[in-house]
């Protein structure tokens, strides 16, 4: 009995994560780069289909609050998904250094993931219109695209599930529906002397 308790305690010590200091807990550090929790958080952030739309909404909110484009882009770049984050950070740095909008958003325009953002930012800088409204439109378009992708995925799942269901129900239908009818007809035909 004591050996079982000792083995269970030894197993628990091996399975438990390493203790963290109070400062690590306050900062929100989850561990090293190989830590499973940090890799799950990174994966969840990268795979969120609405992250780009949320980033555009956040950028629009910063601009409506009165922040300059460079400051708003720098603030939003910290929480943006990977390709968008780099484009926002680069544009914010260039705008802070005094570059014009065409130069600042040039790198973003070459990436298909951020091309629409660069086009809207350049148009806003050239015409003097508000960039916040354009960011809200981009966020709405992004959400609509995600909704269409989700609907297409659900429809595809419905089609793909019909194959295994058919394979399960077809033999049962043949065994319980068709074979008894054929046997019944065959016995009547053979007993009646028709053949």
Protein backbone atom coordinates (compact mmCIF):
# COMPACT_ATOMS: atom_id res chain seq x y z
CA UNK A 1 0.00 0.00 0.00
CA UNK A 2 2.79 2.44 0.92
CA UNK A 3 4.66 1.60 -2.28
CA UNK A 4 1.62 2.52 -4.35
CA UNK A 5 1.37 5.90 -2.65
CA UNK A 6 5.09 6.53 -3.17
CA UNK A 7 4.86 5.61 -6.86
CA UNK A 8 1.82 7.86 -7.36
CA UNK A 9 3.57 10.79 -5.68
CA UNK A 10 6.70 10.24 -7.79
CA UNK A 11 4.56 10.21 -10.94
CA UNK A 12 2.78 13.40 -9.87
CA UNK A 13 6.10 15.16 -9.30
CA UNK A 14 7.26 14.17 -12.79
CA UNK A 15 4.05 15.34 -14.44
CA UNK A 16 3.63 18.68 -12.64
CA UNK A 17 5.10 21.74 -14.40
CA UNK A 18 8.10 23.51 -12.98
CA UNK A 19 7.23 26.18 -10.42
CA UNK A 20 7.25 29.79 -11.55
CA UNK A 21 8.30 32.76 -9.54
CA UNK A 22 5.68 35.34 -8.52
CA UNK A 23 7.21 37.84 -10.95
CA UNK A 24 6.78 35.40 -13.83
CA UNK A 25 3.14 34.88 -12.89
CA UNK A 26 2.53 38.66 -12.72
CA UNK A 27 4.15 39.23 -16.11
CA UNK A 28 2.19 36.34 -17.60
CA UNK A 29 5.28 34.38 -18.62
CA UNK A 30 4.27 30.84 -19.46
CA UNK A 31 7.75 29.42 -19.66
CA UNK A 32 10.39 28.95 -22.28
CA UNK A 33 9.94 28.91 -26.04
CA UNK A 34 9.43 25.13 -26.00
CA UNK A 35 6.65 25.33 -23.43
CA UNK A 36 3.43 23.68 -24.57
CA UNK A 37 1.21 26.46 -23.23
CA UNK A 38 3.04 29.18 -25.16
CA UNK A 39 2.95 27.15 -28.37
CA UNK A 40 -0.81 26.62 -27.94
CA UNK A 41 -1.31 30.37 -27.42
CA UNK A 42 0.78 31.17 -30.50
CA UNK A 43 -1.13 28.63 -32.58
CA UNK A 44 -4.47 29.97 -31.41
CA UNK A 45 -3.44 33.52 -32.28
CA UNK A 46 -2.20 32.55 -35.75
CA UNK A 47 -5.22 30.42 -36.56
CA UNK A 48 -7.91 32.87 -35.47
CA UNK A 49 -9.82 33.65 -38.67
CA UNK A 50 -11.24 36.88 -37.23
CA UNK A 51 -7.91 38.26 -35.97
CA UNK A 52 -7.36 40.44 -39.03
CA UNK A 53 -10.87 41.90 -38.81
CA UNK A 54 -10.35 42.58 -35.11
CA UNK A 55 -7.06 44.31 -35.91
CA UNK A 56 -8.78 46.56 -38.44
CA UNK A 57 -11.48 47.38 -35.88
CA UNK A 58 -8.83 48.21 -33.29
CA UNK A 59 -6.98 50.42 -35.76
CA UNK A 60 -10.23 52.22 -36.59
CA UNK A 61 -10.93 52.75 -32.87
CA UNK A 62 -7.44 54.19 -32.33
CA UNK A 63 -7.86 56.54 -35.27
CA UNK A 64 -11.31 57.65 -34.10
CA UNK A 65 -9.81 58.36 -30.68
CA UNK A 66 -7.52 60.90 -32.35
CA UNK A 67 -4.22 59.04 -32.55
CA UNK A 68 -2.02 59.78 -35.55
CA UNK A 69 -1.77 56.97 -38.10
CA UNK A 70 1.82 56.14 -37.11
CA UNK A 71 1.01 55.88 -33.41
CA UNK A 72 -2.18 53.89 -34.03
CA UNK A 73 -0.40 51.47 -36.37
CA UNK A 74 2.42 50.98 -33.84
CA UNK A 75 -0.05 50.31 -31.02
CA UNK A 76 -2.14 47.86 -33.05
CA UNK A 77 0.86 45.99 -34.46
CA UNK A 78 1.54 44.40 -31.08
CA UNK A 79 -1.66 42.35 -31.17
CA UNK A 80 -2.00 41.84 -34.93
CA UNK A 81 -1.42 38.50 -36.67
CA UNK A 82 1.99 37.87 -38.23
CA UNK A 83 1.95 39.36 -41.77
CA UNK A 84 -0.23 42.29 -40.76
CA UNK A 85 1.82 43.01 -37.65
CA UNK A 86 5.06 43.35 -39.58
CA UNK A 87 3.45 45.61 -42.21
CA UNK A 88 1.90 47.85 -39.56
CA UNK A 89 5.15 48.10 -37.61
CA UNK A 90 7.19 48.92 -40.70
CA UNK A 91 4.70 51.55 -41.90
CA UNK A 92 4.50 53.09 -38.41
CA UNK A 93 8.28 53.35 -38.22
CA UNK A 94 8.53 54.97 -41.64
CA UNK A 95 5.66 57.38 -40.93
CA UNK A 96 7.30 58.34 -37.62
CA UNK A 97 10.50 59.14 -39.49
CA UNK A 98 8.58 61.44 -41.83
CA UNK A 99 8.14 59.28 -44.92
CA UNK A 100 5.17 59.92 -47.18
CA UNK A 101 2.29 57.44 -47.21
CA UNK A 102 3.23 55.90 -50.56
CA UNK A 103 6.70 55.01 -49.29
CA UNK A 104 5.54 53.95 -45.82
CA UNK A 105 2.93 51.52 -47.10
CA UNK A 106 5.00 50.21 -50.04
CA UNK A 107 6.02 46.96 -48.31
CA UNK A 108 2.43 46.31 -47.23
CA UNK A 109 1.21 46.81 -50.80
CA UNK A 110 3.48 44.04 -52.10
CA UNK A 111 2.00 41.43 -49.70
CA UNK A 112 -1.40 40.05 -50.81
CA UNK A 113 -2.52 39.71 -47.17
CA UNK A 114 -2.07 43.43 -46.48
CA UNK A 115 -2.55 44.93 -49.93
CA UNK A 116 -6.04 46.25 -49.18
CA UNK A 117 -4.80 47.98 -46.02
CA UNK A 118 -2.00 49.69 -47.95
CA UNK A 119 -4.36 50.76 -50.72
CA UNK A 120 -6.80 52.29 -48.23
CA UNK A 121 -4.03 54.03 -46.28
CA UNK A 122 -2.51 55.50 -49.44
CA UNK A 123 -5.92 56.65 -50.69
CA UNK A 124 -6.69 58.21 -47.30
CA UNK A 125 -3.38 60.07 -47.23
CA UNK A 126 -3.81 61.34 -50.79
CA UNK A 127 -7.41 62.48 -50.44
CA UNK A 128 -7.40 63.52 -46.79
CA UNK A 129 -10.35 61.28 -45.97
CA UNK A 130 -10.65 59.40 -42.71
CA UNK A 131 -8.83 56.09 -42.58
CA UNK A 132 -11.05 54.90 -39.71
CA UNK A 133 -14.08 54.40 -41.96
CA UNK A 134 -12.02 52.40 -44.44
CA UNK A 135 -10.69 50.19 -41.66
CA UNK A 136 -14.23 49.52 -40.46
CA UNK A 137 -15.20 48.51 -44.01
CA UNK A 138 -12.17 46.21 -44.27
CA UNK A 139 -13.12 44.60 -40.95
CA UNK A 140 -16.69 44.04 -42.14
CA UNK A 141 -15.44 42.54 -45.42
CA UNK A 142 -13.10 40.25 -43.50
CA UNK A 143 -15.91 39.01 -41.28
CA UNK A 144 -18.12 38.35 -44.31
CA UNK A 145 -15.33 36.33 -45.94
CA UNK A 146 -14.86 34.28 -42.77
CA UNK A 147 -18.62 33.70 -42.61
CA UNK A 148 -18.67 32.48 -46.22
CA UNK A 149 -15.71 30.17 -45.58
CA UNK A 150 -17.41 28.74 -42.49
CA UNK A 151 -20.65 28.14 -44.42
CA UNK A 152 -18.76 26.46 -47.26
CA UNK A 153 -16.91 24.28 -44.76
CA UNK A 154 -20.18 23.26 -43.08
CA UNK A 155 -21.74 22.42 -46.45
CA UNK A 156 -18.67 20.42 -47.41
CA UNK A 157 -18.88 18.49 -44.13
CA UNK A 158 -22.53 17.69 -44.84
CA UNK A 159 -21.62 16.27 -48.23
CA UNK A 160 -18.64 14.33 -46.91
CA UNK A 161 -20.64 12.73 -44.11
CA UNK A 162 -23.23 11.34 -46.53
CA UNK A 163 -20.70 8.84 -47.93
CA UNK A 164 -20.03 6.95 -44.68
CA UNK A 165 -23.72 7.12 -43.76
CA UNK A 166 -24.61 5.63 -47.11
CA UNK A 167 -22.07 2.87 -46.63
CA UNK A 168 -23.61 2.07 -43.24
CA UNK A 169 -27.28 2.21 -44.24
CA UNK A 170 -27.08 0.69 -47.74
CA UNK A 171 -26.12 -2.83 -46.54
CA UNK A 172 -28.82 -2.67 -43.86
CA UNK A 173 -31.39 -1.57 -46.45
CA UNK A 174 -30.36 -4.40 -48.77
CA UNK A 175 -30.37 -7.03 -45.99
CA UNK A 176 -33.59 -5.91 -44.32
CA UNK A 177 -35.53 -4.45 -47.23
CA UNK A 178 -34.62 -5.96 -50.57
CA UNK A 179 -33.48 -9.51 -49.73
CA UNK A 180 -36.70 -10.46 -47.84
CA UNK A 181 -38.82 -9.21 -50.75
CA UNK A 182 -36.71 -11.11 -53.30
CA UNK A 183 -36.78 -14.30 -51.17
CA UNK A 184 -40.54 -13.97 -50.68
CA UNK A 185 -41.15 -13.50 -54.39
CA UNK A 186 -38.76 -16.32 -55.27
CA UNK A 187 -40.47 -18.73 -52.87
CA UNK A 188 -43.90 -17.89 -54.32
CA UNK A 189 -42.64 -18.28 -57.86
CA UNK A 190 -40.89 -21.59 -57.11
CA UNK A 191 -43.76 -22.97 -54.99
CA UNK A 192 -46.39 -21.96 -57.51
CA UNK A 193 -44.68 -23.90 -60.24
CA UNK A 194 -44.28 -20.97 -62.54
CA UNK A 195 -40.76 -22.05 -63.39
